[in-house]
Amino acid sequence: MRLVLASGSPRRRELLALITEDFTVCPVNADETLREGAPLADEVVRLSVLKAQAAQRIHPDAVCIGSDTMVTIDGLPLGKPADEKQAADMLRRLRGRTHEVLTGLAVLPPGGAARTLCTRTRVTFRDFEDDELEAYLATGEPLDKAGAYGIQGHGALLVEGISGDYYSVMGLPVAGLHVLLRELAQQA
């Protein structure tokens, strides 16, 4: 079974390597515009499928894996911040509170229907001080991360606890992907 990861994310590559070293990376462009009024969990799954489909147009004979991660608070998505000010605003909003991270996953075999799942992980931030916020912003890490933090990096210093799948917060639900790939291999 030839695997293609529809992502350029170094974190997703690292996580897929926990399952297998035998895969191809295929960064794709997919329209990530959210449909107004659609449940956010449905949207991360839909976007994951779109990414897998985009990769499969390039690699039609491969099993393509798409994933999408979204940080949400108060029922609203927090994307990647446009600048440091927006990152600071997002982090202040998350400070001392629990938010949810949704990660969609799609495994698309050649000529078949996508197998999908969505994980929900609750992440609680400490009530960190302003100087800690400034130090984190100075790392530059928040600028390319959904919700303005990376749990696997310096953002770990802000986290008080999680309930759910740590790897999903990083961007790829490893155990869920492993199960979907095993099921697919058993049916082949």
N, C-alpha and C. Protein backbone atom coordinates (compact mmCIF):
# COMPACT_ATOMS: atom_id res chain seq x y z
N MET A 1 0.85 -1.18 0.00
CA MET A 1 0.00 0.00 0.00
C MET A 1 0.90 1.24 0.00
N ARG A 2 0.85 1.99 -1.08
CA ARG A 2 1.65 3.21 -1.19
C ARG A 2 0.92 4.35 -0.50
N LEU A 3 1.60 5.04 0.43
CA LEU A 3 0.99 6.12 1.21
C LEU A 3 1.52 7.48 0.77
N VAL A 4 0.61 8.45 0.71
CA VAL A 4 0.98 9.83 0.41
C VAL A 4 0.36 10.71 1.49
N LEU A 5 1.17 11.53 2.12
CA LEU A 5 0.71 12.50 3.12
C LEU A 5 0.46 13.82 2.41
N ALA A 6 -0.78 14.27 2.42
CA ALA A 6 -1.18 15.50 1.74
C ALA A 6 -0.90 16.70 2.64
N SER A 7 0.36 16.91 2.95
CA SER A 7 0.74 18.00 3.85
C SER A 7 2.24 18.27 3.76
N GLY A 8 2.61 19.51 3.91
CA GLY A 8 4.02 19.87 3.99
C GLY A 8 4.46 20.07 5.43
N SER A 9 3.57 19.83 6.38
CA SER A 9 3.86 20.07 7.79
C SER A 9 4.94 19.12 8.31
N PRO A 10 6.02 19.68 8.86
CA PRO A 10 7.05 18.82 9.44
C PRO A 10 6.51 18.00 10.62
N ARG A 11 5.56 18.56 11.37
CA ARG A 11 4.98 17.83 12.50
C ARG A 11 4.20 16.62 12.02
N ARG A 12 3.41 16.79 10.98
CA ARG A 12 2.63 15.66 10.46
C ARG A 12 3.55 14.59 9.89
N ARG A 13 4.62 15.00 9.22
CA ARG A 13 5.59 14.02 8.69
C ARG A 13 6.19 13.22 9.85
N GLU A 14 6.58 13.92 10.89
CA GLU A 14 7.18 13.29 12.08
C GLU A 14 6.20 12.29 12.72
N LEU A 15 4.93 12.67 12.78
CA LEU A 15 3.94 11.80 13.41
C LEU A 15 3.62 10.59 12.55
N LEU A 16 3.50 10.77 11.22
CA LEU A 16 3.25 9.63 10.35
C LEU A 16 4.42 8.64 10.41
N ALA A 17 5.63 9.16 10.61
CA ALA A 17 6.81 8.30 10.72
C ALA A 17 6.75 7.39 11.95
N LEU A 18 5.88 7.69 12.92
CA LEU A 18 5.68 6.79 14.05
C LEU A 18 4.96 5.51 13.61
N ILE A 19 4.20 5.62 12.52
CA ILE A 19 3.47 4.46 11.99
C ILE A 19 4.30 3.75 10.93
N THR A 20 4.87 4.52 10.01
CA THR A 20 5.68 3.94 8.93
C THR A 20 6.65 4.99 8.39
N GLU A 21 7.78 4.52 7.95
CA GLU A 21 8.76 5.42 7.31
C GLU A 21 8.53 5.46 5.80
N ASP A 22 7.65 4.58 5.31
CA ASP A 22 7.46 4.40 3.88
C ASP A 22 6.26 5.22 3.38
N PHE A 23 6.49 6.50 3.14
CA PHE A 23 5.43 7.36 2.60
C PHE A 23 6.06 8.51 1.82
N THR A 24 5.24 9.10 0.97
CA THR A 24 5.64 10.25 0.16
C THR A 24 4.92 11.47 0.70
N VAL A 25 5.60 12.61 0.69
CA VAL A 25 5.00 13.87 1.13
C VAL A 25 4.56 14.64 -0.11
N CYS A 26 3.33 15.13 -0.08
CA CYS A 26 2.78 15.89 -1.20
C CYS A 26 2.01 17.10 -0.66
N PRO A 27 2.71 18.22 -0.46
CA PRO A 27 1.98 19.42 -0.01
C PRO A 27 0.94 19.81 -1.06
N VAL A 28 -0.25 20.15 -0.62
CA VAL A 28 -1.34 20.50 -1.54
C VAL A 28 -1.94 21.85 -1.16
N ASN A 29 -2.59 22.43 -2.12
CA ASN A 29 -3.37 23.64 -1.88
C ASN A 29 -4.84 23.27 -1.98
N ALA A 30 -5.58 23.54 -0.93
CA ALA A 30 -7.02 23.29 -0.93
C ALA A 30 -7.70 24.53 -0.37
N ASP A 31 -8.87 24.84 -0.89
CA ASP A 31 -9.63 25.98 -0.39
C ASP A 31 -10.10 25.66 1.02
N GLU A 32 -9.55 26.38 2.00
CA GLU A 32 -9.86 26.10 3.40
C GLU A 32 -10.92 27.05 3.96
N THR A 33 -11.70 27.65 3.07
CA THR A 33 -12.78 28.52 3.50
C THR A 33 -13.85 27.69 4.20
N LEU A 34 -14.22 28.12 5.38
CA LEU A 34 -15.24 27.41 6.14
C LEU A 34 -16.62 27.78 5.62
N ARG A 35 -17.51 26.80 5.56
CA ARG A 35 -18.89 27.05 5.15
C ARG A 35 -19.63 27.68 6.33
N GLU A 36 -20.30 28.76 6.06
CA GLU A 36 -21.02 29.48 7.10
C GLU A 36 -22.11 28.60 7.71
N GLY A 37 -22.10 28.52 9.03
CA GLY A 37 -23.12 27.77 9.75
C GLY A 37 -22.87 26.28 9.86
N ALA A 38 -21.86 25.76 9.16
CA ALA A 38 -21.58 24.32 9.22
C ALA A 38 -20.90 24.00 10.55
N PRO A 39 -21.21 22.85 11.15
CA PRO A 39 -20.52 22.46 12.38
C PRO A 39 -19.00 22.37 12.13
N LEU A 40 -18.22 22.90 13.05
CA LEU A 40 -16.77 22.95 12.87
C LEU A 40 -16.15 21.55 12.77
N ALA A 41 -16.70 20.59 13.50
CA ALA A 41 -16.18 19.21 13.41
C ALA A 41 -16.38 18.67 11.99
N ASP A 42 -17.53 18.98 11.39
CA ASP A 42 -17.77 18.55 10.00
C ASP A 42 -16.80 19.24 9.05
N GLU A 43 -16.48 20.48 9.34
CA GLU A 43 -15.59 21.25 8.46
C GLU A 43 -14.16 20.71 8.46
N VAL A 44 -13.63 20.33 9.63
CA VAL A 44 -12.25 19.80 9.63
C VAL A 44 -12.19 18.47 8.89
N VAL A 45 -13.25 17.69 8.95
CA VAL A 45 -13.29 16.43 8.19
C VAL A 45 -13.39 16.75 6.70
N ARG A 46 -14.26 17.67 6.33
CA ARG A 46 -14.42 18.05 4.92
C ARG A 46 -13.10 18.56 4.35
N LEU A 47 -12.40 19.41 5.09
CA LEU A 47 -11.13 19.95 4.62
C LEU A 47 -10.08 18.84 4.50
N SER A 48 -10.11 17.87 5.41
CA SER A 48 -9.18 16.74 5.33
C SER A 48 -9.42 15.94 4.05
N VAL A 49 -10.69 15.72 3.72
CA VAL A 49 -11.03 14.99 2.50
C VAL A 49 -10.56 15.77 1.28
N LEU A 50 -10.79 17.09 1.27
CA LEU A 50 -10.35 17.91 0.14
C LEU A 50 -8.84 17.81 -0.07
N LYS A 51 -8.09 17.81 1.02
CA LYS A 51 -6.62 17.69 0.92
C LYS A 51 -6.22 16.32 0.37
N ALA A 52 -6.86 15.27 0.87
CA ALA A 52 -6.56 13.92 0.38
C ALA A 52 -6.91 13.80 -1.10
N GLN A 53 -8.03 14.38 -1.51
CA GLN A 53 -8.43 14.34 -2.92
C GLN A 53 -7.43 15.10 -3.80
N ALA A 54 -6.95 16.24 -3.31
CA ALA A 54 -5.96 17.02 -4.08
C ALA A 54 -4.68 16.20 -4.28
N ALA A 55 -4.25 15.49 -3.24
CA ALA A 55 -3.05 14.66 -3.36
C ALA A 55 -3.30 13.49 -4.31
N GLN A 56 -4.52 12.95 -4.27
CA GLN A 56 -4.81 11.80 -5.11
C GLN A 56 -4.88 12.17 -6.59
N ARG A 57 -5.18 13.41 -6.89
CA ARG A 57 -5.13 13.84 -8.30
C ARG A 57 -3.70 13.77 -8.83
N ILE A 58 -2.72 13.94 -7.95
CA ILE A 58 -1.30 13.86 -8.33
C ILE A 58 -0.80 12.42 -8.24
N HIS A 59 -1.31 11.69 -7.26
CA HIS A 59 -0.88 10.29 -7.00
C HIS A 59 -2.11 9.38 -7.02
N PRO A 60 -2.68 9.12 -8.22
CA PRO A 60 -3.95 8.38 -8.29
C PRO A 60 -3.89 6.93 -7.81
N ASP A 61 -2.69 6.36 -7.75
CA ASP A 61 -2.56 4.96 -7.34
C ASP A 61 -2.22 4.79 -5.86
N ALA A 62 -2.24 5.88 -5.11
CA ALA A 62 -1.81 5.83 -3.71
C ALA A 62 -2.98 6.03 -2.74
N VAL A 63 -2.77 5.56 -1.53
CA VAL A 63 -3.67 5.88 -0.42
C VAL A 63 -3.22 7.24 0.09
N CYS A 64 -4.12 8.21 0.01
CA CYS A 64 -3.75 9.59 0.38
C CYS A 64 -4.36 9.96 1.72
N ILE A 65 -3.55 10.62 2.54
CA ILE A 65 -3.93 10.98 3.91
C ILE A 65 -4.01 12.50 4.00
N GLY A 66 -5.18 13.00 4.39
CA GLY A 66 -5.36 14.43 4.61
C GLY A 66 -5.75 14.68 6.05
N SER A 67 -5.31 15.80 6.59
CA SER A 67 -5.63 16.15 7.97
C SER A 67 -5.78 17.66 8.09
N ASP A 68 -6.66 18.07 8.99
CA ASP A 68 -6.86 19.49 9.24
C ASP A 68 -7.11 19.69 10.72
N THR A 69 -6.47 20.69 11.31
CA THR A 69 -6.59 20.96 12.74
C THR A 69 -7.11 22.38 12.96
N MET A 70 -8.03 22.50 13.90
CA MET A 70 -8.64 23.80 14.19
C MET A 70 -8.74 23.99 15.70
N VAL A 71 -8.29 25.14 16.16
CA VAL A 71 -8.44 25.52 17.57
C VAL A 71 -9.75 26.31 17.67
N THR A 72 -10.59 25.94 18.65
CA THR A 72 -11.87 26.64 18.82
C THR A 72 -12.04 27.07 20.27
N ILE A 73 -12.68 28.20 20.43
CA ILE A 73 -13.07 28.66 21.77
C ILE A 73 -14.39 29.40 21.63
N ASP A 74 -15.27 29.17 22.58
CA ASP A 74 -16.60 29.77 22.54
C ASP A 74 -17.31 29.45 21.23
N GLY A 75 -17.02 28.27 20.66
CA GLY A 75 -17.67 27.85 19.42
C GLY A 75 -17.14 28.52 18.17
N LEU A 76 -16.06 29.28 18.30
CA LEU A 76 -15.50 29.99 17.16
C LEU A 76 -14.10 29.48 16.83
N PRO A 77 -13.76 29.40 15.54
CA PRO A 77 -12.43 28.92 15.17
C PRO A 77 -11.38 30.02 15.32
N LEU A 78 -10.18 29.61 15.74
CA LEU A 78 -9.03 30.51 15.76
C LEU A 78 -8.04 29.97 14.74
N GLY A 79 -7.82 30.69 13.68
CA GLY A 79 -6.88 30.26 12.65
C GLY A 79 -5.46 30.63 13.01
N LYS A 80 -4.62 30.72 11.99
CA LYS A 80 -3.25 31.18 12.21
C LYS A 80 -3.28 32.70 12.28
N PRO A 81 -2.58 33.26 13.25
CA PRO A 81 -2.59 34.73 13.37
C PRO A 81 -1.86 35.39 12.20
N ALA A 82 -2.36 36.55 11.80
CA ALA A 82 -1.76 37.30 10.69
C ALA A 82 -0.48 38.01 11.12
N ASP A 83 -0.40 38.35 12.41
CA ASP A 83 0.76 39.08 12.91
C ASP A 83 0.88 38.87 14.42
N GLU A 84 1.89 39.48 15.01
CA GLU A 84 2.15 39.30 16.44
C GLU A 84 1.01 39.84 17.31
N LYS A 85 0.41 40.94 16.89
CA LYS A 85 -0.69 41.51 17.67
C LYS A 85 -1.87 40.55 17.71
N GLN A 86 -2.20 39.96 16.56
CA GLN A 86 -3.30 39.01 16.52
C GLN A 86 -2.96 37.75 17.34
N ALA A 87 -1.72 37.33 17.29
CA ALA A 87 -1.28 36.18 18.11
C ALA A 87 -1.46 36.50 19.59
N ALA A 88 -1.05 37.69 20.01
CA ALA A 88 -1.19 38.09 21.41
C ALA A 88 -2.66 38.11 21.82
N ASP A 89 -3.53 38.63 20.94
CA ASP A 89 -4.96 38.68 21.24
C ASP A 89 -5.53 37.26 21.42
N MET A 90 -5.12 36.34 20.53
CA MET A 90 -5.60 34.96 20.63
C MET A 90 -5.15 34.32 21.94
N LEU A 91 -3.87 34.49 22.27
CA LEU A 91 -3.33 33.87 23.48
C LEU A 91 -3.97 34.45 24.74
N ARG A 92 -4.26 35.75 24.74
CA ARG A 92 -4.96 36.35 25.88
C ARG A 92 -6.36 35.75 26.02
N ARG A 93 -6.99 35.49 24.88
CA ARG A 93 -8.33 34.91 24.90
C ARG A 93 -8.31 33.48 25.46
N LEU A 94 -7.23 32.75 25.20
CA LEU A 94 -7.10 31.37 25.67
C LEU A 94 -6.60 31.29 27.12
N ARG A 95 -5.93 32.32 27.59
CA ARG A 95 -5.29 32.33 28.91
C ARG A 95 -6.28 32.00 30.02
N GLY A 96 -5.89 31.01 30.85
CA GLY A 96 -6.71 30.66 32.01
C GLY A 96 -8.00 29.94 31.67
N ARG A 97 -8.14 29.47 30.44
CA ARG A 97 -9.39 28.86 29.98
C ARG A 97 -9.12 27.53 29.29
N THR A 98 -10.20 26.79 29.10
CA THR A 98 -10.14 25.54 28.35
C THR A 98 -10.73 25.78 26.97
N HIS A 99 -10.03 25.31 25.96
CA HIS A 99 -10.53 25.40 24.59
C HIS A 99 -10.51 24.00 23.97
N GLU A 100 -11.03 23.90 22.76
CA GLU A 100 -11.10 22.61 22.10
C GLU A 100 -10.28 22.64 20.81
N VAL A 101 -9.59 21.54 20.55
CA VAL A 101 -8.85 21.38 19.31
C VAL A 101 -9.52 20.24 18.54
N LEU A 102 -9.98 20.55 17.34
CA LEU A 102 -10.61 19.57 16.47
C LEU A 102 -9.61 19.18 15.39
N THR A 103 -9.43 17.90 15.18
CA THR A 103 -8.57 17.44 14.09
C THR A 103 -9.34 16.43 13.25
N GLY A 104 -9.47 16.77 11.97
CA GLY A 104 -10.11 15.87 11.02
C GLY A 104 -9.04 15.04 10.33
N LEU A 105 -9.43 13.83 9.94
CA LEU A 105 -8.52 12.92 9.25
C LEU A 105 -9.28 12.23 8.15
N ALA A 106 -8.65 12.11 6.98
CA ALA A 106 -9.23 11.37 5.85
C ALA A 106 -8.17 10.46 5.26
N VAL A 107 -8.54 9.20 5.07
CA VAL A 107 -7.69 8.22 4.41
C VAL A 107 -8.44 7.81 3.15
N LEU A 108 -7.88 8.15 2.00
CA LEU A 108 -8.55 7.97 0.71
C LEU A 108 -7.82 6.95 -0.15
N PRO A 109 -8.39 5.73 -0.27
CA PRO A 109 -7.76 4.72 -1.12
C PRO A 109 -8.07 5.00 -2.60
N PRO A 110 -7.25 4.49 -3.51
CA PRO A 110 -7.52 4.68 -4.94
C PRO A 110 -8.88 4.08 -5.30
N GLY A 111 -9.72 4.88 -5.95
CA GLY A 111 -11.01 4.39 -6.41
C GLY A 111 -12.01 4.07 -5.33
N GLY A 112 -11.74 4.45 -4.11
CA GLY A 112 -12.65 4.14 -3.01
C GLY A 112 -13.13 5.39 -2.29
N ALA A 113 -13.97 5.18 -1.31
CA ALA A 113 -14.48 6.28 -0.49
C ALA A 113 -13.51 6.57 0.65
N ALA A 114 -13.47 7.82 1.05
CA ALA A 114 -12.60 8.23 2.16
C ALA A 114 -13.12 7.66 3.48
N ARG A 115 -12.19 7.19 4.29
CA ARG A 115 -12.48 6.81 5.67
C ARG A 115 -12.08 8.03 6.50
N THR A 116 -12.97 8.48 7.36
CA THR A 116 -12.72 9.73 8.08
C THR A 116 -12.96 9.57 9.58
N LEU A 117 -12.40 10.51 10.30
CA LEU A 117 -12.69 10.64 11.72
C LEU A 117 -12.39 12.08 12.15
N CYS A 118 -12.92 12.42 13.31
CA CYS A 118 -12.64 13.73 13.91
C CYS A 118 -12.36 13.52 15.38
N THR A 119 -11.23 14.06 15.84
CA THR A 119 -10.92 13.99 17.27
C THR A 119 -11.21 15.34 17.91
N ARG A 120 -11.59 15.28 19.17
CA ARG A 120 -11.83 16.50 19.97
C ARG A 120 -10.96 16.40 21.20
N THR A 121 -10.09 17.37 21.38
CA THR A 121 -9.20 17.39 22.53
C THR A 121 -9.39 18.71 23.26
N ARG A 122 -9.57 18.62 24.56
CA ARG A 122 -9.72 19.84 25.37
C ARG A 122 -8.36 20.20 25.95
N VAL A 123 -7.97 21.44 25.75
CA VAL A 123 -6.68 21.94 26.22
C VAL A 123 -6.94 23.10 27.19
N THR A 124 -6.34 23.02 28.37
CA THR A 124 -6.50 24.08 29.36
C THR A 124 -5.18 24.84 29.49
N PHE A 125 -5.26 26.15 29.34
CA PHE A 125 -4.10 27.01 29.51
C PHE A 125 -4.02 27.51 30.95
N ARG A 126 -2.79 27.67 31.43
CA ARG A 126 -2.56 28.32 32.72
C ARG A 126 -2.96 29.79 32.60
N ASP A 127 -3.13 30.42 33.72
CA ASP A 127 -3.35 31.87 33.74
C ASP A 127 -1.97 32.52 33.77
N PHE A 128 -1.27 32.43 32.65
CA PHE A 128 0.12 32.89 32.57
C PHE A 128 0.22 34.41 32.63
N GLU A 129 1.39 34.86 33.04
CA GLU A 129 1.64 36.30 33.21
C GLU A 129 1.95 36.96 31.86
N ASP A 130 1.82 38.28 31.82
CA ASP A 130 2.09 39.03 30.59
C ASP A 130 3.54 38.89 30.13
N ASP A 131 4.48 38.80 31.08
CA ASP A 131 5.88 38.64 30.67
C ASP A 131 6.11 37.27 30.02
N GLU A 132 5.34 36.26 30.44
CA GLU A 132 5.43 34.94 29.81
C GLU A 132 4.85 34.99 28.39
N LEU A 133 3.77 35.74 28.23
CA LEU A 133 3.18 35.93 26.91
C LEU A 133 4.18 36.61 25.98
N GLU A 134 4.81 37.66 26.46
CA GLU A 134 5.80 38.38 25.64
C GLU A 134 6.99 37.49 25.28
N ALA A 135 7.44 36.69 26.23
CA ALA A 135 8.56 35.77 25.96
C ALA A 135 8.17 34.74 24.91
N TYR A 136 6.94 34.25 24.99
CA TYR A 136 6.49 33.27 24.00
C TYR A 136 6.37 33.92 22.62
N LEU A 137 5.82 35.09 22.56
CA LEU A 137 5.72 35.80 21.27
C LEU A 137 7.09 36.02 20.66
N ALA A 138 8.08 36.30 21.51
CA ALA A 138 9.45 36.56 21.03
C ALA A 138 10.08 35.33 20.36
N THR A 139 9.56 34.14 20.65
CA THR A 139 10.10 32.94 20.00
C THR A 139 9.71 32.87 18.52
N GLY A 140 8.66 33.59 18.13
CA GLY A 140 8.17 33.55 16.76
C GLY A 140 7.28 32.35 16.49
N GLU A 141 7.23 31.41 17.40
CA GLU A 141 6.46 30.18 17.21
C GLU A 141 4.96 30.41 16.97
N PRO A 142 4.33 31.37 17.65
CA PRO A 142 2.88 31.52 17.49
C PRO A 142 2.42 31.93 16.09
N LEU A 143 3.29 32.47 15.28
CA LEU A 143 2.86 33.06 14.02
C LEU A 143 2.44 32.06 12.95
N ASP A 144 2.87 30.82 13.04
CA ASP A 144 2.45 29.87 12.00
C ASP A 144 1.65 28.71 12.58
N LYS A 145 0.96 28.95 13.68
CA LYS A 145 0.21 27.90 14.35
C LYS A 145 -1.25 28.32 14.53
N ALA A 146 -2.16 27.38 14.27
CA ALA A 146 -3.57 27.62 14.56
C ALA A 146 -3.72 27.90 16.05
N GLY A 147 -4.46 28.95 16.39
CA GLY A 147 -4.64 29.30 17.79
C GLY A 147 -3.43 29.97 18.40
N ALA A 148 -2.40 30.19 17.61
CA ALA A 148 -1.19 30.92 18.00
C ALA A 148 -0.31 30.18 19.01
N TYR A 149 -0.39 28.84 19.02
CA TYR A 149 0.53 28.10 19.89
C TYR A 149 0.82 26.73 19.30
N GLY A 150 1.99 26.22 19.68
CA GLY A 150 2.39 24.86 19.34
C GLY A 150 2.61 24.09 20.62
N ILE A 151 1.77 23.10 20.89
CA ILE A 151 1.87 22.35 22.15
C ILE A 151 3.18 21.58 22.25
N GLN A 152 3.76 21.23 21.09
CA GLN A 152 5.00 20.45 21.08
C GLN A 152 6.24 21.33 21.21
N GLY A 153 6.06 22.64 21.22
CA GLY A 153 7.19 23.56 21.32
C GLY A 153 7.13 24.37 22.60
N HIS A 154 7.52 25.63 22.49
CA HIS A 154 7.51 26.52 23.66
C HIS A 154 6.11 26.74 24.21
N GLY A 155 5.09 26.50 23.37
CA GLY A 155 3.70 26.64 23.82
C GLY A 155 3.35 25.69 24.95
N ALA A 156 4.13 24.62 25.10
CA ALA A 156 3.89 23.67 26.20
C ALA A 156 3.95 24.37 27.56
N LEU A 157 4.69 25.47 27.64
CA LEU A 157 4.82 26.19 28.91
C LEU A 157 3.51 26.87 29.33
N LEU A 158 2.59 27.03 28.37
CA LEU A 158 1.32 27.69 28.64
C LEU A 158 0.23 26.71 29.05
N VAL A 159 0.46 25.43 28.78
CA VAL A 159 -0.57 24.41 28.96
C VAL A 159 -0.57 23.85 30.37
N GLU A 160 -1.75 23.87 30.97
CA GLU A 160 -1.92 23.29 32.30
C GLU A 160 -2.31 21.81 32.20
N GLY A 161 -3.08 21.47 31.17
CA GLY A 161 -3.48 20.08 31.01
C GLY A 161 -4.26 19.86 29.73
N ILE A 162 -4.38 18.57 29.35
CA ILE A 162 -5.20 18.24 28.19
C ILE A 162 -6.05 17.02 28.51
N SER A 163 -7.17 16.94 27.83
CA SER A 163 -8.03 15.77 27.90
C SER A 163 -8.31 15.36 26.46
N GLY A 164 -7.72 14.23 26.07
CA GLY A 164 -7.88 13.79 24.69
C GLY A 164 -6.55 13.38 24.09
N ASP A 165 -6.44 13.50 22.79
CA ASP A 165 -5.31 13.01 22.01
C ASP A 165 -4.26 14.11 21.79
N TYR A 166 -3.15 13.98 22.48
CA TYR A 166 -2.04 14.95 22.34
C TYR A 166 -1.60 15.09 20.89
N TYR A 167 -1.47 13.96 20.19
CA TYR A 167 -0.97 14.01 18.81
C TYR A 167 -1.95 14.73 17.88
N SER A 168 -3.23 14.67 18.20
CA SER A 168 -4.21 15.42 17.41
C SER A 168 -3.98 16.92 17.54
N VAL A 169 -3.60 17.35 18.73
CA VAL A 169 -3.31 18.78 18.93
C VAL A 169 -2.09 19.17 18.09
N MET A 170 -1.16 18.25 17.92
CA MET A 170 0.00 18.50 17.06
C MET A 170 -0.38 18.47 15.58
N GLY A 171 -1.51 17.83 15.23
CA GLY A 171 -1.96 17.87 13.85
C GLY A 171 -2.26 16.55 13.17
N LEU A 172 -2.03 15.42 13.86
CA LEU A 172 -2.32 14.13 13.23
C LEU A 172 -2.67 13.11 14.31
N PRO A 173 -3.92 12.61 14.32
CA PRO A 173 -4.30 11.60 15.31
C PRO A 173 -3.67 10.26 14.99
N VAL A 174 -2.52 9.99 15.57
CA VAL A 174 -1.69 8.84 15.23
C VAL A 174 -2.43 7.52 15.44
N ALA A 175 -3.02 7.32 16.60
CA ALA A 175 -3.70 6.04 16.88
C ALA A 175 -4.88 5.85 15.93
N GLY A 176 -5.66 6.90 15.72
CA GLY A 176 -6.79 6.80 14.80
C GLY A 176 -6.36 6.49 13.39
N LEU A 177 -5.28 7.11 12.94
CA LEU A 177 -4.75 6.85 11.60
C LEU A 177 -4.26 5.41 11.50
N HIS A 178 -3.57 4.94 12.53
CA HIS A 178 -3.08 3.56 12.54
C HIS A 178 -4.25 2.58 12.37
N VAL A 179 -5.33 2.81 13.09
CA VAL A 179 -6.50 1.93 13.01
C VAL A 179 -7.10 1.96 11.60
N LEU A 180 -7.28 3.15 11.03
CA LEU A 180 -7.85 3.26 9.69
C LEU A 180 -6.97 2.56 8.65
N LEU A 181 -5.66 2.70 8.77
CA LEU A 181 -4.73 2.05 7.82
C LEU A 181 -4.76 0.53 7.98
N ARG A 182 -4.86 0.04 9.21
CA ARG A 182 -4.94 -1.41 9.45
C ARG A 182 -6.22 -1.98 8.84
N GLU A 183 -7.34 -1.27 9.06
CA GLU A 183 -8.61 -1.72 8.49
C GLU A 183 -8.53 -1.79 6.97
N LEU A 184 -7.93 -0.78 6.38
CA LEU A 184 -7.79 -0.72 4.92
C LEU A 184 -6.92 -1.87 4.42
N ALA A 185 -5.81 -2.13 5.11
CA ALA A 185 -4.91 -3.21 4.71
C ALA A 185 -5.58 -4.57 4.85
N GLN A 186 -6.40 -4.74 5.87
CA GLN A 186 -7.09 -6.02 6.09
C GLN A 186 -8.14 -6.28 5.02
N GLN A 187 -8.68 -5.23 4.43
CA GLN A 187 -9.69 -5.40 3.39
C GLN A 187 -9.08 -5.56 2.01
N ALA A 188 -7.78 -5.32 1.90
CA ALA A 188 -7.12 -5.41 0.59
C ALA A 188 -6.88 -6.84 0.18
